[in-house]
Protein backbone atom coordinates (compact mmCIF):
# COMPACT_ATOMS: atom_id res chain seq x y z
CA MET A 1 -41.53 10.70 -14.36
CA ILE A 2 -44.85 8.84 -14.35
CA ALA A 3 -44.71 5.43 -16.03
CA SER A 4 -47.88 6.02 -18.04
CA VAL A 5 -47.35 9.00 -20.31
CA GLU A 6 -47.40 7.29 -23.70
CA ALA A 7 -50.16 9.54 -25.05
CA VAL A 8 -47.92 12.59 -25.38
CA GLU A 9 -44.43 11.05 -25.09
CA GLU A 10 -41.76 13.22 -26.69
CA VAL A 11 -40.47 11.88 -29.99
CA ARG A 12 -36.69 12.05 -29.87
CA PRO A 13 -34.95 12.19 -33.25
CA SER A 14 -32.05 9.79 -33.69
CA GLU A 15 -28.65 11.41 -33.73
CA LEU A 16 -26.94 11.80 -37.07
CA SER A 17 -23.42 10.49 -37.38
CA ALA A 18 -20.48 12.78 -38.13
CA ASP A 19 -20.14 11.49 -41.71
CA VAL A 20 -23.72 12.58 -42.44
CA LEU A 21 -23.41 15.99 -40.83
CA ASP A 22 -20.41 17.61 -42.54
CA GLU A 23 -19.35 20.30 -40.06
CA GLN A 24 -17.21 22.06 -42.66
CA LEU A 25 -20.14 22.28 -45.06
CA ILE A 26 -22.40 23.61 -42.31
CA GLY A 27 -19.81 26.22 -41.45
CA GLN A 28 -19.61 27.31 -45.08
CA LEU A 29 -23.41 27.65 -45.28
CA VAL A 30 -23.53 29.79 -42.14
CA ASP A 31 -20.64 31.99 -43.35
CA ARG A 32 -22.25 32.51 -46.78
CA ALA A 33 -25.58 33.36 -45.17
CA ARG A 34 -23.99 35.97 -42.94
CA ALA A 35 -21.98 37.42 -45.84
CA SER A 36 -25.20 37.76 -47.83
CA GLY A 37 -27.01 39.39 -44.94
CA ILE A 38 -29.31 36.39 -44.43
CA GLN A 39 -30.39 35.75 -40.86
CA LEU A 40 -30.08 32.27 -39.43
CA THR A 41 -33.61 32.29 -38.00
CA GLY A 42 -36.83 34.14 -38.73
CA GLU A 43 -38.74 34.66 -41.95
CA GLY A 44 -36.57 33.97 -44.98
CA GLY A 45 -33.71 32.86 -42.72
CA LEU A 46 -31.21 30.11 -43.39
CA LEU A 47 -33.09 27.53 -41.31
CA GLN A 48 -36.30 28.13 -43.26
CA GLN A 49 -34.48 27.81 -46.57
CA LEU A 50 -32.76 24.62 -45.48
CA THR A 51 -36.05 23.20 -44.24
CA LYS A 52 -37.62 23.98 -47.61
CA ARG A 53 -34.78 22.25 -49.50
CA VAL A 54 -34.80 19.20 -47.24
CA LEU A 55 -38.57 18.75 -47.48
CA GLU A 56 -38.62 19.20 -51.25
CA SER A 57 -35.70 16.80 -51.66
CA ALA A 58 -37.50 14.19 -49.55
CA LEU A 59 -40.70 14.65 -51.56
CA GLU A 60 -38.74 14.26 -54.79
CA GLY A 61 -37.31 11.02 -53.44
CA GLU A 62 -40.80 9.80 -52.56
CA ILE A 63 -42.24 10.42 -56.03
CA THR A 64 -39.17 8.78 -57.61
CA ASP A 65 -39.85 5.66 -55.52
CA HIS A 66 -43.53 5.85 -56.47
CA LEU A 67 -42.89 6.12 -60.24
CA GLY A 68 -39.85 3.88 -60.33
CA TYR A 69 -37.49 6.18 -62.24
CA GLU A 70 -35.48 9.35 -61.73
CA LYS A 71 -36.56 12.75 -62.95
CA HIS A 72 -35.79 13.27 -66.72
CA ASP A 73 -34.91 9.58 -67.03
CA LYS A 74 -35.87 8.30 -70.50
CA THR A 75 -36.84 4.93 -69.06
CA GLY A 76 -39.99 6.57 -67.76
CA ALA A 77 -41.32 7.19 -71.27
CA GLY A 78 -44.41 5.12 -71.89
CA SER A 79 -44.50 3.84 -68.30
CA GLY A 80 -48.15 4.79 -67.94
CA ASN A 81 -47.57 7.44 -65.29
CA SER A 82 -45.22 10.40 -65.06
CA ARG A 83 -44.51 13.62 -63.23
CA ASN A 84 -47.03 16.39 -63.69
CA GLY A 85 -45.39 19.52 -62.32
CA VAL A 86 -45.70 20.76 -58.76
CA ARG A 87 -48.14 22.59 -56.55
CA ALA A 88 -47.22 25.20 -53.97
CA LYS A 89 -48.08 24.55 -50.35
CA THR A 90 -47.24 26.32 -47.10
CA VAL A 91 -46.59 24.18 -44.04
CA LEU A 92 -45.98 25.32 -40.50
CA THR A 93 -42.72 23.96 -39.10
CA ASP A 94 -40.63 24.43 -35.97
CA VAL A 95 -38.79 27.27 -37.75
CA GLY A 96 -41.93 29.01 -38.97
CA PRO A 97 -44.08 28.79 -42.12
CA VAL A 98 -42.26 27.31 -45.12
CA GLU A 99 -43.57 27.35 -48.70
CA ILE A 100 -42.69 24.15 -50.52
CA GLU A 101 -43.33 22.71 -53.96
CA VAL A 102 -45.02 19.31 -53.81
CA PRO A 103 -44.54 17.14 -56.92
CA ARG A 104 -47.60 15.61 -58.64
CA ASP A 105 -48.15 12.68 -60.96
CA ARG A 106 -50.59 12.43 -63.88
CA GLU A 107 -52.64 9.62 -62.37
CA GLY A 108 -52.99 11.44 -59.04
CA SER A 109 -51.97 8.27 -57.20
CA PHE A 110 -48.93 9.77 -55.45
CA GLU A 111 -49.46 9.95 -51.68
CA PRO A 112 -46.56 11.83 -50.04
CA GLN A 113 -45.69 10.75 -46.51
CA ILE A 114 -43.31 13.36 -45.11
CA VAL A 115 -45.90 16.07 -45.81
CA LYS A 116 -49.18 14.32 -46.43
CA LYS A 117 -52.06 15.66 -48.49
CA ARG A 118 -54.03 18.33 -46.62
CA GLN A 119 -51.37 18.39 -43.90
CA ARG A 120 -50.53 21.95 -42.92
CA ARG A 121 -48.33 21.37 -39.89
CA LEU A 122 -45.36 19.14 -39.21
CA THR A 123 -45.60 17.05 -36.04
CA GLY A 124 -43.12 19.21 -34.15
CA VAL A 125 -45.59 22.10 -34.22
CA ASP A 126 -48.30 19.98 -32.62
CA GLU A 127 -45.86 18.93 -29.90
CA MET A 128 -44.95 22.58 -29.34
CA VAL A 129 -48.61 23.56 -28.96
CA LEU A 130 -49.22 20.72 -26.49
CA SER A 131 -46.13 21.68 -24.49
CA LEU A 132 -47.19 25.34 -24.29
CA SER A 133 -50.73 24.36 -23.34
CA ALA A 134 -49.42 22.05 -20.60
CA ARG A 135 -47.56 25.00 -19.11
CA GLY A 136 -50.74 26.98 -18.71
CA LEU A 137 -50.82 29.18 -21.83
CA THR A 138 -54.30 29.84 -23.17
CA HIS A 139 -55.12 29.23 -26.83
CA GLY A 140 -54.89 32.96 -27.45
CA ASP A 141 -51.48 33.12 -25.76
CA ILE A 142 -50.19 30.22 -27.88
CA SER A 143 -51.49 31.82 -31.09
CA ALA A 144 -49.79 35.11 -30.19
CA HIS A 145 -46.55 33.31 -29.28
CA LEU A 146 -46.38 31.46 -32.61
CA ALA A 147 -47.08 34.69 -34.50
CA GLU A 148 -44.45 36.66 -32.57
CA VAL A 149 -41.65 34.08 -32.54
CA TYR A 150 -42.21 32.19 -35.80
CA GLY A 151 -44.29 34.59 -37.86
CA ALA A 152 -46.93 31.88 -38.17
CA SER A 153 -50.64 32.53 -38.18
CA VAL A 154 -52.38 29.75 -36.24
CA SER A 155 -55.95 30.35 -35.17
CA LYS A 156 -57.29 29.56 -31.72
CA SER A 157 -59.67 27.01 -33.27
CA THR A 158 -56.70 25.20 -34.85
CA ILE A 159 -54.91 25.14 -31.52
CA SER A 160 -58.05 23.77 -29.90
CA THR A 161 -58.17 21.04 -32.55
CA ILE A 162 -54.56 20.11 -31.80
CA THR A 163 -55.14 19.89 -28.05
CA ASP A 164 -58.37 17.96 -28.56
CA LYS A 165 -56.30 15.16 -30.12
CA VAL A 166 -55.00 14.25 -26.67
CA MET A 167 -58.47 13.21 -25.51
CA ASP A 168 -58.17 9.82 -27.23
CA GLY A 169 -54.81 9.35 -25.56
CA MET A 170 -56.29 10.45 -22.26
CA ALA A 171 -59.07 7.84 -22.49
CA GLU A 172 -56.51 5.13 -23.23
CA TRP A 173 -54.29 6.31 -20.35
CA GLN A 174 -57.23 6.47 -17.94
CA ASN A 175 -58.14 2.84 -18.73
CA ARG A 176 -54.66 1.27 -18.97
CA PRO A 177 -53.87 -1.84 -16.86
CA LEU A 178 -52.29 -1.17 -13.46
CA ASP A 179 -49.96 -3.07 -11.12
CA PRO A 180 -51.45 -5.80 -8.91
CA ILE A 181 -50.35 -4.07 -5.69
CA TYR A 182 -49.16 -0.64 -4.55
CA PRO A 183 -47.49 0.11 -1.20
CA VAL A 184 -49.33 3.43 -0.94
CA ILE A 185 -51.80 5.51 -2.95
CA PHE A 186 -52.14 9.25 -2.32
CA ILE A 187 -55.45 10.92 -3.15
CA ASP A 188 -55.77 14.68 -3.28
CA CYS A 189 -57.76 17.26 -5.21
CA ILE A 190 -57.40 20.63 -6.85
CA HIS A 191 -60.33 22.97 -7.45
CA VAL A 192 -61.04 24.48 -10.87
CA LYS A 193 -63.61 27.05 -11.91
CA VAL A 194 -66.16 25.66 -14.37
CA ARG A 195 -68.74 27.80 -16.15
CA ASP A 196 -71.84 25.61 -16.22
CA GLY A 197 -74.65 28.12 -16.13
CA GLN A 198 -72.62 30.03 -13.58
CA VAL A 199 -68.98 29.85 -12.56
CA ALA A 200 -68.43 27.49 -9.63
CA ASN A 201 -65.55 25.58 -8.06
CA ARG A 202 -65.36 21.91 -8.99
CA PRO A 203 -62.91 19.38 -7.51
CA ILE A 204 -60.67 17.29 -9.73
CA TYR A 205 -59.09 14.40 -7.87
CA VAL A 206 -55.68 12.94 -8.59
CA ALA A 207 -54.66 9.44 -7.48
CA LEU A 208 -50.89 8.98 -7.29
CA ALA A 209 -49.43 5.59 -6.43
CA VAL A 210 -45.95 4.49 -5.43
CA THR A 211 -44.91 1.25 -7.14
CA VAL A 212 -43.04 -1.62 -5.51
CA ASP A 213 -39.92 -0.36 -7.33
CA GLY A 214 -40.21 3.11 -5.81
CA THR A 215 -41.42 4.98 -8.90
CA ARG A 216 -44.56 7.08 -8.97
CA ASP A 217 -47.55 6.38 -11.18
CA ILE A 218 -50.54 8.69 -11.57
CA LEU A 219 -53.48 6.29 -11.82
CA GLY A 220 -56.05 8.74 -13.15
CA LEU A 221 -58.03 11.96 -12.91
CA TRP A 222 -61.66 12.24 -11.85
CA ALA A 223 -64.19 15.05 -11.48
CA GLY A 224 -66.86 14.46 -8.82
CA GLU A 225 -67.29 13.73 -5.14
CA GLY A 226 -69.36 11.81 -2.59
CA ALA A 227 -69.28 8.36 -0.98
CA LYS A 228 -70.96 6.57 -3.90
CA TYR A 229 -68.70 8.35 -6.36
CA TRP A 230 -65.55 7.29 -4.55
CA LEU A 231 -66.70 3.69 -4.37
CA GLN A 232 -67.11 3.83 -8.16
CA VAL A 233 -63.62 5.34 -8.67
CA LEU A 234 -61.84 2.84 -6.41
CA THR A 235 -63.75 -0.05 -7.99
CA GLU A 236 -62.57 1.19 -11.39
CA ILE A 237 -58.97 1.18 -10.16
CA LYS A 238 -59.41 -2.34 -8.81
CA ASN A 239 -60.94 -3.53 -12.08
CA ARG A 240 -57.83 -2.26 -13.87
CA GLY A 241 -55.76 -4.82 -11.98
CA VAL A 242 -55.05 -3.41 -8.51
CA GLU A 243 -55.74 -6.36 -6.23
CA ASP A 244 -54.27 -4.89 -3.04
CA VAL A 245 -53.08 -1.60 -1.51
CA CYS A 246 -51.21 -1.36 1.77
CA MET A 247 -52.13 2.24 2.62
CA VAL A 248 -54.28 5.01 1.14
CA VAL A 249 -53.37 8.54 2.23
CA CYS A 250 -56.09 11.17 1.76
CA ASP A 251 -57.31 14.49 3.15
CA GLY A 252 -60.33 13.21 5.07
CA LEU A 253 -62.75 13.11 2.16
CA LYS A 254 -66.25 12.22 3.29
CA GLY A 255 -67.15 8.62 2.56
CA LEU A 256 -63.67 7.68 1.34
CA PRO A 257 -62.61 5.46 4.31
CA ASP A 258 -65.73 3.28 3.90
CA ALA A 259 -65.16 3.07 0.14
CA ILE A 260 -61.52 2.05 0.66
CA SER A 261 -62.38 -0.72 3.13
CA THR A 262 -65.08 -2.02 0.79
CA VAL A 263 -62.74 -2.28 -2.21
CA TRP A 264 -59.51 -3.28 -0.40
CA PRO A 265 -60.40 -4.75 3.03
CA GLN A 266 -56.74 -5.00 4.09
CA ALA A 267 -55.85 -1.42 3.16
CA ILE A 268 -55.13 1.14 5.90
CA THR A 269 -56.70 4.57 5.47
CA GLN A 270 -54.42 7.38 6.65
CA THR A 271 -55.54 10.99 7.00
CA CYS A 272 -52.96 13.53 5.89
CA VAL A 273 -51.57 15.36 8.90
CA VAL A 274 -50.84 18.49 6.89
CA HIS A 275 -54.50 18.72 5.87
CA LEU A 276 -55.53 18.33 9.50
CA MET A 277 -53.19 21.16 10.49
CA ARG A 278 -54.47 23.43 7.72
CA ALA A 279 -58.07 22.72 8.68
CA SER A 280 -57.22 23.49 12.31
CA PHE A 281 -55.81 26.90 11.41
CA ARG A 282 -59.04 27.79 9.63
CA TYR A 283 -60.80 27.74 13.02
CA ALA A 284 -58.11 29.72 14.86
CA ALA A 285 -57.17 33.38 14.99
CA ARG A 286 -53.94 34.09 13.14
CA GLN A 287 -52.12 35.28 16.26
CA ASP A 288 -52.65 31.80 17.77
CA TRP A 289 -51.34 29.79 14.80
CA ASP A 290 -47.79 29.37 16.10
CA ARG A 291 -48.93 28.32 19.57
CA ILE A 292 -51.49 25.88 18.19
CA SER A 293 -48.90 24.41 15.85
CA ARG A 294 -46.52 23.81 18.76
CA ALA A 295 -49.33 22.31 20.83
CA LEU A 296 -50.38 19.90 18.06
CA LYS A 297 -46.87 18.73 17.14
CA PRO A 298 -46.50 16.35 20.14
CA ILE A 299 -49.67 14.58 18.97
CA TYR A 300 -48.51 13.59 15.48
CA THR A 301 -44.91 12.96 16.57
CA ALA A 302 -45.89 10.77 19.54
CA PRO A 303 -44.12 7.37 19.71
CA THR A 304 -47.38 5.44 20.10
CA ALA A 305 -51.10 5.88 19.59
CA ASP A 306 -51.64 5.89 23.40
CA ALA A 307 -49.07 8.64 23.82
CA ALA A 308 -50.74 10.63 21.04
CA GLU A 309 -54.09 10.34 22.84
CA GLU A 310 -52.52 11.67 26.05
CA ARG A 311 -51.05 14.65 24.19
CA PHE A 312 -54.44 15.27 22.57
CA LEU A 313 -56.13 15.39 25.97
CA GLU A 314 -53.54 17.95 27.06
CA PHE A 315 -54.29 20.01 23.94
CA GLN A 316 -58.01 19.76 24.68
CA GLU A 317 -57.50 21.06 28.21
CA GLU A 318 -55.46 24.03 26.97
CA TRP A 319 -57.40 25.01 23.83
CA GLY A 320 -60.76 23.21 24.02
CA ALA A 321 -62.63 26.11 25.59
CA LYS A 322 -61.39 28.66 23.04
CA TYR A 323 -61.41 26.44 19.93
CA PRO A 324 -63.85 23.54 20.40
CA ALA A 325 -64.12 23.18 16.60
CA ILE A 326 -60.44 22.15 16.41
CA VAL A 327 -60.98 19.51 19.09
CA ARG A 328 -64.04 18.21 17.25
CA LEU A 329 -62.08 18.14 13.95
CA TRP A 330 -59.31 15.94 15.41
CA SER A 331 -61.77 13.75 17.31
CA ASN A 332 -63.74 13.01 14.14
CA ALA A 333 -60.55 12.22 12.19
CA TRP A 334 -58.86 10.25 15.00
CA ALA A 335 -59.53 6.75 13.63
CA GLU A 336 -57.88 7.65 10.30
CA PHE A 337 -55.15 9.77 11.93
CA VAL A 338 -53.51 7.23 14.28
CA PRO A 339 -52.68 4.28 11.93
CA PHE A 340 -49.27 5.61 10.84
CA LEU A 341 -48.14 5.84 14.50
CA GLN A 342 -47.76 2.05 14.64
CA PHE A 343 -44.94 2.12 12.06
CA ASP A 344 -41.30 3.13 12.21
CA ALA A 345 -39.86 6.48 11.17
CA GLU A 346 -39.25 5.53 7.52
CA ILE A 347 -42.92 4.82 6.87
CA ARG A 348 -44.14 7.70 9.02
CA ARG A 349 -42.03 10.16 7.07
CA VAL A 350 -43.60 9.32 3.70
CA VAL A 351 -47.24 8.62 4.58
CA CYS A 352 -48.17 11.16 7.27
CA THR A 353 -48.69 13.82 4.59
CA THR A 354 -49.70 14.08 0.95
CA ASN A 355 -46.52 16.04 0.18
CA ALA A 356 -45.67 13.35 -2.35
CA ILE A 357 -48.50 14.64 -4.51
CA GLU A 358 -48.09 18.35 -3.77
CA SER A 359 -45.48 18.87 -6.52
CA VAL A 360 -47.94 17.41 -9.00
CA ASN A 361 -50.70 19.67 -7.72
CA ALA A 362 -48.42 22.71 -7.95
CA ARG A 363 -47.88 22.10 -11.68
CA ILE A 364 -51.60 21.56 -12.20
CA ARG A 365 -52.55 24.74 -10.31
CA LYS A 366 -50.11 26.77 -12.40
CA ALA A 367 -51.79 25.60 -15.59
CA VAL A 368 -55.31 26.04 -14.18
CA ARG A 369 -54.74 29.57 -12.86
CA ALA A 370 -53.65 30.78 -16.28
CA ARG A 371 -56.99 29.67 -17.77
CA GLY A 372 -59.25 31.44 -15.30
CA HIS A 373 -62.28 29.19 -15.77
CA PHE A 374 -63.36 26.42 -18.13
CA PRO A 375 -66.55 26.00 -20.17
CA ASN A 376 -67.09 22.45 -18.86
CA GLU A 377 -65.47 19.66 -16.85
CA ALA A 378 -64.08 17.98 -19.99
CA ALA A 379 -62.05 21.10 -20.84
CA ALA A 380 -60.76 21.28 -17.26
CA LEU A 381 -59.75 17.60 -17.31
CA LYS A 382 -57.93 18.11 -20.63
CA CYS A 383 -55.92 20.97 -19.15
CA VAL A 384 -55.04 18.96 -16.03
CA TYR A 385 -54.11 15.92 -18.13
CA LEU A 386 -51.72 17.97 -20.28
CA ALA A 387 -50.10 19.39 -17.16
CA VAL A 388 -49.67 15.91 -15.68
CA MET A 389 -48.15 14.54 -18.87
CA SER A 390 -45.53 17.30 -18.95
CA LEU A 391 -44.11 16.44 -15.53
CA ASP A 392 -40.41 15.69 -15.18
CA PRO A 393 -39.36 15.82 -18.86
CA THR A 394 -35.68 15.16 -18.01
CA GLY A 395 -36.32 12.21 -15.69
CA THR A 396 -34.29 13.69 -12.81
CA GLY A 397 -37.37 13.85 -10.58
CA ARG A 398 -37.95 10.13 -11.13
CA LYS A 399 -34.43 9.32 -9.92
CA ARG A 400 -34.78 11.49 -6.79
CA TRP A 401 -38.18 9.97 -6.06
CA THR A 402 -36.86 6.39 -6.31
CA MET A 403 -33.89 7.09 -4.04
CA ARG A 404 -36.14 8.74 -1.43
CA TRP A 405 -38.51 5.77 -1.33
CA LYS A 406 -36.00 2.90 -1.11
CA PRO A 407 -35.72 2.90 2.74
CA ALA A 408 -39.50 3.22 3.12
CA LEU A 409 -40.18 0.30 0.74
CA GLN A 410 -37.94 -1.97 2.80
CA ALA A 411 -39.91 -0.98 5.89
CA PHE A 412 -43.20 -1.58 4.02
CA ASP A 413 -42.08 -5.07 3.02
CA ILE A 414 -41.44 -5.97 6.65
CA ALA A 415 -44.48 -4.21 8.13
CA PHE A 416 -46.93 -5.73 5.66
CA ASP A 417 -45.64 -9.32 5.80
CA GLY A 418 -44.28 -9.52 2.28
CA ARG A 419 -47.51 -8.46 0.54
CA LEU A 420 -45.43 -6.42 -1.92
CA SER A 421 -43.79 -9.56 -3.32
CA ILE A 422 -46.75 -10.15 -5.66
CA GLY A 423 -45.88 -6.93 -7.47
CA ARG A 424 -42.29 -8.06 -8.11
CA ARG A 425 -43.14 -11.32 -9.85
């Protein structure tokens, strides 16, 4: 998983020990509920009743601590403050809406903590809404889901309020300090539909870095394009602590190579081979795709840059007359295409494409497609941010990623004369 996901990190409850959770007592409760025809889940079910009792018991404990004496204790007489009945309140929990009785005091100074004043949802509900939103459900879908599964009425405006809370976390995440050096940064974009006067496609760029330890770190999300814009983005990344980058892999964005060399003069700009192939197919008839693919493969698998140039001349002789646009495409991208050919197979394998970022983009596209279009760029960025923060919840992807990058990082350390050592200090 990404190292910077503090804004929506899952809160894991501590495990209760066996002496606290009496299994025999739990079994008796379940058996009695079934004998009485009470369902375990759903409205009026055992879980709702238990939640009600637990919350009310905790609130009773809080007001006892606040007043300094137990309920009906004579020592409270003349203490200056005392209990003053209860007030009914319905809160939305993970098991559905639960009506509880909140104790009051005569002075009105009691401030409950487990269910605060004016609080209508427990934190687990907010986490559930954020999780569903990150998976691409619209606000209407989430509202319908909560009503169907938990019998809870949550308006779309309330759901919007919950998801809007992540914007503060997003701003903090977008401006957090970064590592002093990264072996490689991948830059790619996904297109979203934004309704600004009229619906139009807008690019949202994702910068994903590989750390010196082999983990992945999404550096940020940006909406915009152009040479000046990219210089601003890369300067922002540098100002957050990134002093050096060995390689930047991108899809041939206009103006990006110049921006990279301006910010990190030692960095190598590498065009993604997969993007070059896809762009080539756009100029070719479908029946020629297989033949063109076979003709281009010797170019990007050549042992040296000189050998790649020879293979390209052969491709030009065979296909130049029919598809001059493909020849022009590769010629224009040649300076940013050949750098990876000077390295060994371990580095070539991981930097010749932006596949490292494709899994991230796949999750983002899934969330974006479910929304159709967005009212503005801020709403689109919020959706993408939620999708990014929900990546790899179990951590298994992080382990696979690290193992895959270990051989490449050793090769990077040798190829770039120990420049990665600054990141390990």
